[in-house]
PDB file of N, CA and C in Angstrom:
ATOM      1  N   MET A   1      49.119  18.730 191.145  1.00  0.00           N
ATOM      2  CA  MET A   1      49.498  17.860 190.059  1.00  0.00           C
ATOM      3  C   MET A   1      50.216  16.649 190.648  1.00  0.00           C
ATOM      4  N   GLU A   2      49.902  15.489 190.153  1.00  0.00           N
ATOM      5  CA  GLU A   2      50.563  14.270 190.617  1.00  0.00           C
ATOM      6  C   GLU A   2      52.049  14.335 190.283  1.00  0.00           C
ATOM      7  N   LEU A   3      52.891  13.798 191.149  1.00  0.00           N
ATOM      8  CA  LEU A   3      54.341  13.838 190.990  1.00  0.00           C
ATOM      9  C   LEU A   3      54.772  13.273 189.643  1.00  0.00           C
ATOM     10  N   GLN A   4      54.246  12.126 189.273  1.00  0.00           N
ATOM     11  CA  GLN A   4      54.627  11.477 188.021  1.00  0.00           C
ATOM     12  C   GLN A   4      54.351  12.391 186.830  1.00  0.00           C
ATOM     13  N   GLU A   5      53.192  12.992 186.799  1.00  0.00           N
ATOM     14  CA  GLU A   5      52.813  13.878 185.695  1.00  0.00           C
ATOM     15  C   GLU A   5      53.693  15.130 185.683  1.00  0.00           C
ATOM     16  N   PHE A   6      54.005  15.671 186.861  1.00  0.00           N
ATOM     17  CA  PHE A   6      54.845  16.861 186.952  1.00  0.00           C
ATOM     18  C   PHE A   6      56.241  16.594 186.386  1.00  0.00           C
ATOM     19  N   ILE A   7      56.854  15.476 186.773  1.00  0.00           N
ATOM     20  CA  ILE A   7      58.204  15.149 186.296  1.00  0.00           C
ATOM     21  C   ILE A   7      58.194  14.936 184.790  1.00  0.00           C
ATOM     22  N   LYS A   8      57.239  14.142 184.310  1.00  0.00           N
ATOM     23  CA  LYS A   8      57.151  13.862 182.874  1.00  0.00           C
ATOM     24  C   LYS A   8      56.964  15.152 182.079  1.00  0.00           C
ATOM     25  N   THR A   9      56.023  15.980 182.500  1.00  0.00           N
ATOM     26  CA  THR A   9      55.740  17.229 181.802  1.00  0.00           C
ATOM     27  C   THR A   9      56.948  18.151 181.835  1.00  0.00           C
ATOM     28  N   SER A  10      57.609  18.250 182.987  1.00  0.00           N
ATOM     29  CA  SER A  10      58.787  19.109 183.106  1.00  0.00           C
ATOM     30  C   SER A  10      59.890  18.678 182.152  1.00  0.00           C
ATOM     31  N   LEU A  11      60.186  17.380 182.115  1.00  0.00           N
ATOM     32  CA  LEU A  11      61.253  16.882 181.238  1.00  0.00           C
ATOM     33  C   LEU A  11      60.930  17.128 179.768  1.00  0.00           C
ATOM     34  N   ILE A  12      59.693  16.867 179.375  1.00  0.00           N
ATOM     35  CA  ILE A  12      59.284  17.093 177.984  1.00  0.00           C
ATOM     36  C   ILE A  12      59.384  18.569 177.635  1.00  0.00           C
ATOM     37  N   GLU A  13      58.893  19.434 178.519  1.00  0.00           N
ATOM     38  CA  GLU A  13      58.922  20.857 178.242  1.00  0.00           C
ATOM     39  C   GLU A  13      60.344  21.414 178.219  1.00  0.00           C
ATOM     40  N   ILE A  14      61.227  20.933 179.079  1.00  0.00           N
ATOM     41  CA  ILE A  14      62.621  21.373 179.063  1.00  0.00           C
ATOM     42  C   ILE A  14      63.269  20.970 177.746  1.00  0.00           C
ATOM     43  N   GLY A  15      63.108  19.707 177.353  1.00  0.00           N
ATOM     44  CA  GLY A  15      63.682  19.237 176.090  1.00  0.00           C
ATOM     45  C   GLY A  15      63.143  20.006 174.896  1.00  0.00           C
ATOM     46  N   ASN A  16      61.825  20.217 174.865  1.00  0.00           N
ATOM     47  CA  ASN A  16      61.214  20.966 173.761  1.00  0.00           C
ATOM     48  C   ASN A  16      61.685  22.409 173.736  1.00  0.00           C
ATOM     49  N   ALA A  17      61.832  23.024 174.909  1.00  0.00           N
ATOM     50  CA  ALA A  17      62.275  24.421 174.980  1.00  0.00           C
ATOM     51  C   ALA A  17      63.683  24.585 174.420  1.00  0.00           C
ATOM     52  N   VAL A  18      64.584  23.668 174.762  1.00  0.00           N
ATOM     53  CA  VAL A  18      65.953  23.739 174.254  1.00  0.00           C
ATOM     54  C   VAL A  18      65.955  23.567 172.736  1.00  0.00           C
ATOM     55  N   THR A  19      65.191  22.605 172.246  1.00  0.00           N
ATOM     56  CA  THR A  19      65.103  22.373 170.805  1.00  0.00           C
ATOM     57  C   THR A  19      64.529  23.591 170.085  1.00  0.00           C
ATOM     58  N   GLU A  20      63.455  24.149 170.620  1.00  0.00           N
ATOM     59  CA  GLU A  20      62.823  25.318 169.998  1.00  0.00           C
ATOM     60  C   GLU A  20      63.733  26.543 170.040  1.00  0.00           C
ATOM     61  N   ALA A  21      64.437  26.744 171.170  1.00  0.00           N
ATOM     62  CA  ALA A  21      65.352  27.887 171.270  1.00  0.00           C
ATOM     63  C   ALA A  21      66.470  27.771 170.230  1.00  0.00           C
ATOM     64  N   ASN A  22      67.035  26.576 170.080  1.00  0.00           N
ATOM     65  CA  ASN A  22      68.058  26.372 169.054  1.00  0.00           C
ATOM     66  C   ASN A  22      67.501  26.633 167.667  1.00  0.00           C
ATOM     67  N   GLY A  23      66.282  26.175 167.413  1.00  0.00           N
ATOM     68  CA  GLY A  23      65.657  26.384 166.107  1.00  0.00           C
ATOM     69  C   GLY A  23      65.451  27.854 165.795  1.00  0.00           C
ATOM     70  N   GLU A  24      65.006  28.610 166.787  1.00  0.00           N
ATOM     71  CA  GLU A  24      64.783  30.052 166.583  1.00  0.00           C
ATOM     72  C   GLU A  24      66.093  30.779 166.291  1.00  0.00           C
ATOM     73  N   ILE A  25      67.135  30.437 167.047  1.00  0.00           N
ATOM     74  CA  ILE A  25      68.423  31.108 166.821  1.00  0.00           C
ATOM     75  C   ILE A  25      69.020  30.698 165.485  1.00  0.00           C
ATOM     76  N   LYS A  26      68.920  29.412 165.137  1.00  0.00           N
ATOM     77  CA  LYS A  26      69.422  28.955 163.834  1.00  0.00           C
ATOM     78  C   LYS A  26      68.744  29.727 162.707  1.00  0.00           C
ATOM     79  N   LYS A  27      67.445  29.916 162.859  1.00  0.00           N
ATOM     80  CA  LYS A  27      66.658  30.610 161.834  1.00  0.00           C
ATOM     81  C   LYS A  27      67.071  32.087 161.734  1.00  0.00           C
ATOM     82  N   SER A  28      67.170  32.764 162.876  1.00  0.00           N
ATOM     83  CA  SER A  28      67.485  34.189 162.869  1.00  0.00           C
ATOM     84  C   SER A  28      68.935  34.474 162.492  1.00  0.00           C
ATOM     85  N   LYS A  29      69.843  33.571 162.848  1.00  0.00           N
ATOM     86  CA  LYS A  29      71.272  33.763 162.550  1.00  0.00           C
ATOM     87  C   LYS A  29      71.692  33.087 161.245  1.00  0.00           C
ATOM     88  N   LYS A  30      70.743  32.351 160.633  1.00  0.00           N
ATOM     89  CA  LYS A  30      71.019  31.617 159.387  1.00  0.00           C
ATOM     90  C   LYS A  30      72.261  30.728 159.533  1.00  0.00           C
ATOM     91  N   THR A  31      72.198  29.859 160.548  1.00  0.00           N
ATOM     92  CA  THR A  31      73.302  28.939 160.836  1.00  0.00           C
ATOM     93  C   THR A  31      72.737  27.564 161.165  1.00  0.00           C
ATOM     94  N   ASP A  32      73.589  26.558 161.129  1.00  0.00           N
ATOM     95  CA  ASP A  32      73.198  25.197 161.525  1.00  0.00           C
ATOM     96  C   ASP A  32      73.718  24.846 162.917  1.00  0.00           C
ATOM     97  N   THR A  33      74.328  25.796 163.592  1.00  0.00           N
ATOM     98  CA  THR A  33      74.944  25.569 164.896  1.00  0.00           C
ATOM     99  C   THR A  33      73.915  25.613 166.015  1.00  0.00           C
ATOM    100  N   ASN A  34      73.959  24.615 166.894  1.00  0.00           N
ATOM    101  CA  ASN A  34      73.160  24.648 168.118  1.00  0.00           C
ATOM    102  C   ASN A  34      73.899  25.495 169.143  1.00  0.00           C
ATOM    103  N   PHE A  35      73.164  26.330 169.860  1.00  0.00           N
ATOM    104  CA  PHE A  35      73.761  27.189 170.866  1.00  0.00           C
ATOM    105  C   PHE A  35      73.494  26.690 172.283  1.00  0.00           C
ATOM    106  N   PHE A  36      72.431  25.912 172.465  1.00  0.00           N
ATOM    107  CA  PHE A  36      72.041  25.441 173.795  1.00  0.00           C
ATOM    108  C   PHE A  36      72.033  23.919 173.815  1.00  0.00           C
ATOM    109  N   PHE A  37      72.508  23.351 174.936  1.00  0.00           N
ATOM    110  CA  PHE A  37      72.601  21.901 175.076  1.00  0.00           C
ATOM    111  C   PHE A  37      72.157  21.477 176.466  1.00  0.00           C
ATOM    112  N   LEU A  38      71.613  20.282 176.558  1.00  0.00           N
ATOM    113  CA  LEU A  38      71.406  19.626 177.837  1.00  0.00           C
ATOM    114  C   LEU A  38      72.654  18.777 178.046  1.00  0.00           C
ATOM    115  N   LYS A  39      73.424  19.087 179.054  1.00  0.00           N
ATOM    116  CA  LYS A  39      74.718  18.438 179.255  1.00  0.00           C
ATOM    117  C   LYS A  39      74.554  17.011 179.747  1.00  0.00           C
ATOM    118  N   PHE A  40      75.264  16.094 179.102  1.00  0.00           N
ATOM    119  CA  PHE A  40      75.260  14.676 179.449  1.00  0.00           C
ATOM    120  C   PHE A  40      75.692  14.472 180.888  1.00  0.00           C
ATOM    121  N   GLY A  41      75.066  13.528 181.542  1.00  0.00           N
ATOM    122  CA  GLY A  41      75.456  13.122 182.880  1.00  0.00           C
ATOM    123  C   GLY A  41      74.494  13.610 183.937  1.00  0.00           C
ATOM    124  N   SER A  42      74.963  13.574 185.185  1.00  0.00           N
ATOM    125  CA  SER A  42      74.101  13.966 186.302  1.00  0.00           C
ATOM    126  C   SER A  42      74.852  14.731 187.386  1.00  0.00           C
ATOM    127  N   GLU A  43      76.064  15.176 187.086  1.00  0.00           N
ATOM    128  CA  GLU A  43      76.869  15.859 188.095  1.00  0.00           C
ATOM    129  C   GLU A  43      76.479  17.329 188.181  1.00  0.00           C
ATOM    130  N   LYS A  44      75.756  17.662 189.223  1.00  0.00           N
ATOM    131  CA  LYS A  44      75.217  19.007 189.401  1.00  0.00           C
ATOM    132  C   LYS A  44      76.315  20.075 189.394  1.00  0.00           C
ATOM    133  N   ASP A  45      77.433  19.801 190.072  1.00  0.00           N
ATOM    134  CA  ASP A  45      78.504  20.798 190.146  1.00  0.00           C
ATOM    135  C   ASP A  45      79.176  21.042 188.801  1.00  0.00           C
ATOM    136  N   LYS A  46      78.934  20.164 187.821  1.00  0.00           N
ATOM    137  CA  LYS A  46      79.477  20.342 186.472  1.00  0.00           C
ATOM    138  C   LYS A  46      78.399  20.795 185.486  1.00  0.00           C
ATOM    139  N   GLY A  47      77.226  21.102 186.005  1.00  0.00           N
ATOM    140  CA  GLY A  47      76.150  21.597 185.152  1.00  0.00           C
ATOM    141  C   GLY A  47      75.446  20.528 184.339  1.00  0.00           C
ATOM    142  N   ALA A  48      75.583  19.280 184.730  1.00  0.00           N
ATOM    143  CA  ALA A  48      74.987  18.179 183.982  1.00  0.00           C
ATOM    144  C   ALA A  48      73.693  17.719 184.650  1.00  0.00           C
ATOM    145  N   GLY A  49      72.824  17.148 183.863  1.00  0.00           N
ATOM    146  CA  GLY A  49      71.579  16.590 184.386  1.00  0.00           C
ATOM    147  C   GLY A  49      70.519  17.642 184.609  1.00  0.00           C
ATOM    148  N   ILE A  50      69.345  17.183 184.992  1.00  0.00           N
ATOM    149  CA  ILE A  50      68.236  18.060 185.343  1.00  0.00           C
ATOM    150  C   ILE A  50      67.918  17.765 186.802  1.00  0.00           C
ATOM    151  N   HIS A  51      68.024  18.796 187.627  1.00  0.00           N
ATOM    152  CA  HIS A  51      67.914  18.633 189.074  1.00  0.00           C
ATOM    153  C   HIS A  51      66.563  19.124 189.571  1.00  0.00           C
ATOM    154  N   PHE A  52      65.944  18.327 190.390  1.00  0.00           N
ATOM    155  CA  PHE A  52      64.655  18.666 190.986  1.00  0.00           C
ATOM    156  C   PHE A  52      64.819  18.776 192.491  1.00  0.00           C
ATOM    157  N   ASP A  53      64.215  19.782 193.084  1.00  0.00           N
ATOM    158  CA  ASP A  53      64.140  19.944 194.531  1.00  0.00           C
ATOM    159  C   ASP A  53      62.706  20.378 194.800  1.00  0.00           C
ATOM    160  N   LEU A  54      61.878  19.447 195.214  1.00  0.00           N
ATOM    161  CA  LEU A  54      60.438  19.676 195.258  1.00  0.00           C
ATOM    162  C   LEU A  54      59.859  19.545 196.657  1.00  0.00           C
ATOM    163  N   ALA A  55      58.822  20.298 196.890  1.00  0.00           N
ATOM    164  CA  ALA A  55      57.979  20.081 198.063  1.00  0.00           C
ATOM    165  C   ALA A  55      56.821  19.226 197.563  1.00  0.00           C
ATOM    166  N   VAL A  56      56.633  18.081 198.186  1.00  0.00           N
ATOM    167  CA  VAL A  56      55.572  17.169 197.762  1.00  0.00           C
ATOM    168  C   VAL A  56      54.653  16.885 198.941  1.00  0.00           C
ATOM    169  N   THR A  57      53.444  16.504 198.614  1.00  0.00           N
ATOM    170  CA  THR A  57      52.497  16.098 199.642  1.00  0.00           C
ATOM    171  C   THR A  57      52.149  14.640 199.436  1.00  0.00           C
ATOM    172  N   SER A  58      52.109  13.917 200.524  1.00  0.00           N
ATOM    173  CA  SER A  58      51.559  12.561 200.470  1.00  0.00           C
ATOM    174  C   SER A  58      50.220  12.667 201.183  1.00  0.00           C
ATOM    175  N   SER A  59      49.207  12.194 200.519  1.00  0.00           N
ATOM    176  CA  SER A  59      47.884  12.388 201.100  1.00  0.00           C
ATOM    177  C   SER A  59      47.053  11.118 201.024  1.00  0.00           C
ATOM    178  N   THR A  60      46.155  11.044 201.949  1.00  0.00           N
ATOM    179  CA  THR A  60      45.143   9.999 201.963  1.00  0.00           C
ATOM    180  C   THR A  60      43.805  10.705 202.036  1.00  0.00           C
ATOM    181  N   VAL A  61      42.952  10.411 201.097  1.00  0.00           N
ATOM    182  CA  VAL A  61      41.635  11.052 201.045  1.00  0.00           C
ATOM    183  C   VAL A  61      40.574   9.994 201.296  1.00  0.00           C
ATOM    184  N   LYS A  62      39.728  10.239 202.278  1.00  0.00           N
ATOM    185  CA  LYS A  62      38.615   9.343 202.546  1.00  0.00           C
ATOM    186  C   LYS A  62      37.344  10.067 202.126  1.00  0.00           C
ATOM    187  N   GLN A  63      36.669   9.482 201.137  1.00  0.00           N
ATOM    188  CA  GLN A  63      35.453  10.082 200.622  1.00  0.00           C
ATOM    189  C   GLN A  63      34.252   9.599 201.419  1.00  0.00           C
ATOM    190  N   THR A  64      33.158  10.316 201.300  1.00  0.00           N
ATOM    191  CA  THR A  64      31.971   9.960 202.073  1.00  0.00           C
ATOM    192  C   THR A  64      31.398   8.600 201.689  1.00  0.00           C
ATOM    193  N   ASP A  65      31.746   8.103 200.498  1.00  0.00           N
ATOM    194  CA  ASP A  65      31.255   6.778 200.106  1.00  0.00           C
ATOM    195  C   ASP A  65      32.141   5.661 200.653  1.00  0.00           C
ATOM    196  N   GLY A  66      33.152   6.016 201.465  1.00  0.00           N
ATOM    197  CA  GLY A  66      34.013   5.015 202.089  1.00  0.00           C
ATOM    198  C   GLY A  66      35.270   4.696 201.306  1.00  0.00           C
ATOM    199  N   ARG A  67      35.387   5.156 200.075  1.00  0.00           N
ATOM    200  CA  ARG A  67      36.590   4.888 199.284  1.00  0.00           C
ATOM    201  C   ARG A  67      37.750   5.722 199.802  1.00  0.00           C
ATOM    202  N   VAL A  68      38.972   5.147 199.695  1.00  0.00           N
ATOM    203  CA  VAL A  68      40.182   5.833 200.140  1.00  0.00           C
ATOM    204  C   VAL A  68      41.133   5.930 198.957  1.00  0.00           C
ATOM    205  N   LYS A  69      41.706   7.114 198.770  1.00  0.00           N
ATOM    206  CA  LYS A  69      42.661   7.329 197.690  1.00  0.00           C
ATOM    207  C   LYS A  69      43.941   7.880 198.297  1.00  0.00           C
ATOM    208  N   ALA A  70      45.101   7.307 197.920  1.00  0.00           N
ATOM    209  CA  ALA A  70      46.390   7.783 198.410  1.00  0.00           C
ATOM    210  C   ALA A  70      47.233   8.185 197.210  1.00  0.00           C
ATOM    211  N   GLY A  71      48.136   9.143 197.408  1.00  0.00           N
ATOM    212  CA  GLY A  71      49.000   9.556 196.322  1.00  0.00           C
ATOM    213  C   GLY A  71      50.027  10.570 196.766  1.00  0.00           C
ATOM    214  N   ILE A  72      50.990  10.837 195.868  1.00  0.00           N
ATOM    215  CA  ILE A  72      52.010  11.851 196.095  1.00  0.00           C
ATOM    216  C   ILE A  72      51.855  12.891 195.001  1.00  0.00           C
ATOM    217  N   SER A  73      51.798  14.157 195.402  1.00  0.00           N
ATOM    218  CA  SER A  73      51.620  15.256 194.476  1.00  0.00           C
ATOM    219  C   SER A  73      52.647  16.332 194.747  1.00  0.00           C
ATOM    220  N   VAL A  74      52.924  17.136 193.717  1.00  0.00           N
ATOM    221  CA  VAL A  74      53.764  18.306 193.907  1.00  0.00           C
ATOM    222  C   VAL A  74      52.956  19.281 194.729  1.00  0.00           C
ATOM    223  N   PHE A  75      53.565  19.887 195.746  1.00  0.00           N
ATOM    224  CA  PHE A  75      52.844  20.730 196.679  1.00  0.00           C
ATOM    225  C   PHE A  75      52.209  21.905 195.969  1.00  0.00           C
ATOM    226  N   GLY A  76      50.952  22.128 196.280  1.00  0.00           N
ATOM    227  CA  GLY A  76      50.224  23.268 195.748  1.00  0.00           C
ATOM    228  C   GLY A  76      48.952  23.448 196.534  1.00  0.00           C
ATOM    229  N   ALA A  77      48.453  24.645 196.514  1.00  0.00           N
ATOM    230  CA  ALA A  77      47.207  24.916 197.222  1.00  0.00           C
ATOM    231  C   ALA A  77      46.049  24.388 196.391  1.00  0.00           C
ATOM    232  N   GLY A  78      45.040  23.896 197.038  1.00  0.00           N
ATOM    233  CA  GLY A  78      43.874  23.396 196.333  1.00  0.00           C
ATOM    234  C   GLY A  78      42.616  23.707 197.116  1.00  0.00           C
ATOM    235  N   ILE A  79      41.514  23.531 196.456  1.00  0.00           N
ATOM    236  CA  ILE A  79      40.229  23.760 197.095  1.00  0.00           C
ATOM    237  C   ILE A  79      39.596  22.407 197.341  1.00  0.00           C
ATOM    238  N   GLY A  80      39.283  22.103 198.587  1.00  0.00           N
ATOM    239  CA  GLY A  80      38.657  20.837 198.935  1.00  0.00           C
ATOM    240  C   GLY A  80      37.157  20.894 198.734  1.00  0.00           C
ATOM    241  N   THR A  81      36.529  19.752 198.767  1.00  0.00           N
ATOM    242  CA  THR A  81      35.079  19.696 198.684  1.00  0.00           C
ATOM    243  C   THR A  81      34.530  19.234 200.024  1.00  0.00           C
ATOM    244  N   LEU A  82      33.271  19.379 200.212  1.00  0.00           N
ATOM    245  CA  LEU A  82      32.657  19.038 201.483  1.00  0.00           C
ATOM    246  C   LEU A  82      32.487  17.543 201.710  1.00  0.00           C
ATOM    247  N   ASN A  83      32.657  16.733 200.655  1.00  0.00           N
ATOM    248  CA  ASN A  83      32.374  15.312 200.807  1.00  0.00           C
ATOM    249  C   ASN A  83      33.625  14.448 200.960  1.00  0.00           C
ATOM    250  N   LYS A  84      34.746  15.042 201.444  1.00  0.00           N
ATOM    251  CA  LYS A  84      35.934  14.226 201.672  1.00  0.00           C
ATOM    252  C   LYS A  84      36.761  14.802 202.811  1.00  0.00           C
ATOM    253  N   ALA A  85      37.521  13.914 203.449  1.00  0.00           N
ATOM    254  CA  ALA A  85      38.449  14.323 204.500  1.00  0.00           C
ATOM    255  C   ALA A  85      39.852  13.961 204.032  1.00  0.00           C
ATOM    256  N   THR A  86      40.809  14.870 204.191  1.00  0.00           N
ATOM    257  CA  THR A  86      42.167  14.649 203.703  1.00  0.00           C
ATOM    258  C   THR A  86      43.164  14.699 204.839  1.00  0.00           C
ATOM    259  N   ASP A  87      44.050  13.706 204.885  1.00  0.00           N
ATOM    260  CA  ASP A  87      45.184  13.713 205.794  1.00  0.00           C
ATOM    261  C   ASP A  87      46.403  13.918 204.912  1.00  0.00           C
ATOM    262  N   GLU A  88      47.107  15.052 205.076  1.00  0.00           N
ATOM    263  CA  GLU A  88      48.162  15.423 204.144  1.00  0.00           C
ATOM    264  C   GLU A  88      49.441  15.754 204.899  1.00  0.00           C
ATOM    265  N   LYS A  89      50.579  15.274 204.382  1.00  0.00           N
ATOM    266  CA  LYS A  89      51.883  15.550 204.963  1.00  0.00           C
ATOM    267  C   LYS A  89      52.778  16.121 203.868  1.00  0.00           C
ATOM    268  N   ILE A  90      53.528  17.178 204.207  1.00  0.00           N
ATOM    269  CA  ILE A  90      54.408  17.829 203.234  1.00  0.00           C
ATOM    270  C   ILE A  90      55.842  17.407 203.511  1.00  0.00           C
ATOM    271  N   SER A  91      56.560  17.016 202.437  1.00  0.00           N
ATOM    272  CA  SER A  91      57.964  16.616 202.528  1.00  0.00           C
ATOM    273  C   SER A  91      58.731  17.251 201.368  1.00  0.00           C
ATOM    274  N   ARG A  92      60.042  17.270 201.487  1.00  0.00           N
ATOM    275  CA  ARG A  92      60.886  17.732 200.385  1.00  0.00           C
ATOM    276  C   ARG A  92      61.631  16.532 199.827  1.00  0.00           C
ATOM    277  N   ILE A  93      61.767  16.510 198.500  1.00  0.00           N
ATOM    278  CA  ILE A  93      62.588  15.482 197.860  1.00  0.00           C
ATOM    279  C   ILE A  93      63.485  16.169 196.840  1.00  0.00           C
ATOM    280  N   SER A  94      64.703  15.689 196.740  1.00  0.00           N
ATOM    281  CA  SER A  94      65.659  16.187 195.759  1.00  0.00           C
ATOM    282  C   SER A  94      66.187  14.998 194.984  1.00  0.00           C
ATOM    283  N   PHE A  95      66.303  15.161 193.679  1.00  0.00           N
ATOM    284  CA  PHE A  95      66.846  14.092 192.842  1.00  0.00           C
ATOM    285  C   PHE A  95      67.313  14.688 191.525  1.00  0.00           C
ATOM    286  N   THR A  96      68.110  13.912 190.804  1.00  0.00           N
ATOM    287  CA  THR A  96      68.655  14.339 189.521  1.00  0.00           C
ATOM    288  C   THR A  96      68.274  13.323 188.455  1.00  0.00           C
ATOM    289  N   ILE A  97      67.853  13.824 187.326  1.00  0.00           N
ATOM    290  CA  ILE A  97      67.608  12.980 186.154  1.00  0.00           C
ATOM    291  C   ILE A  97      68.854  13.077 185.281  1.00  0.00           C
ATOM    292  N   GLU A  98      69.489  11.950 185.046  1.00  0.00           N
ATOM    293  CA  GLU A  98      70.689  11.936 184.194  1.00  0.00           C
ATOM    294  C   GLU A  98      70.281  12.117 182.740  1.00  0.00           C
ATOM    295  N   ILE A  99      71.042  12.915 182.027  1.00  0.00           N
ATOM    296  CA  ILE A  99      70.805  13.107 180.603  1.00  0.00           C
ATOM    297  C   ILE A  99      71.688  12.118 179.862  1.00  0.00           C
ATOM    298  N   GLY A 100      71.076  11.330 178.985  1.00  0.00           N
ATOM    299  CA  GLY A 100      71.814  10.313 178.224  1.00  0.00           C
ATOM    300  C   GLY A 100      72.491  10.889 177.003  1.00  0.00           C
ATOM    301  N   HIS A 101      73.276  10.073 176.351  1.00  0.00           N
ATOM    302  CA  HIS A 101      74.061  10.497 175.177  1.00  0.00           C
ATOM    303  C   HIS A 101      73.210  11.064 174.060  1.00  0.00           C
ATOM    304  N   LEU A 102      72.022  10.517 173.815  1.00  0.00           N
ATOM    305  CA  LEU A 102      71.209  10.981 172.694  1.00  0.00           C
ATOM    306  C   LEU A 102      70.673  12.395 172.902  1.00  0.00           C
ATOM    307  N   MET A 103      70.570  12.840 174.153  1.00  0.00           N
ATOM    308  CA  MET A 103      70.073  14.187 174.432  1.00  0.00           C
ATOM    309  C   MET A 103      71.198  15.207 174.506  1.00  0.00           C
ATOM    310  N   ALA A 104      72.421  14.733 174.626  1.00  0.00           N
ATOM    311  CA  ALA A 104      73.543  15.669 174.808  1.00  0.00           C
ATOM    312  C   ALA A 104      73.863  16.413 173.534  1.00  0.00           C
TER     313      ALA A 104
END
């Protein structure tokens, strides 16, 4: 999966999961209280933000038609085809997405 798509999907799914979990508990407990929150900020030691520590691959693919494609993807095993050659390097990246006031 491309890095951009992985980050976007992860953030959306985390936000939706927290919202859905609160909705389920509100429904079962018959309350208006939220029980789960995404904490404002980005300070990992204070439990704030969403932290990523990923193994990513940067690759260059040369296809038999001469076209070259480069990109960064979240590391995963894949099945290659016979009509391309891939030069791939694996790296680790760590970063934090700060949660803004509207999500807190």
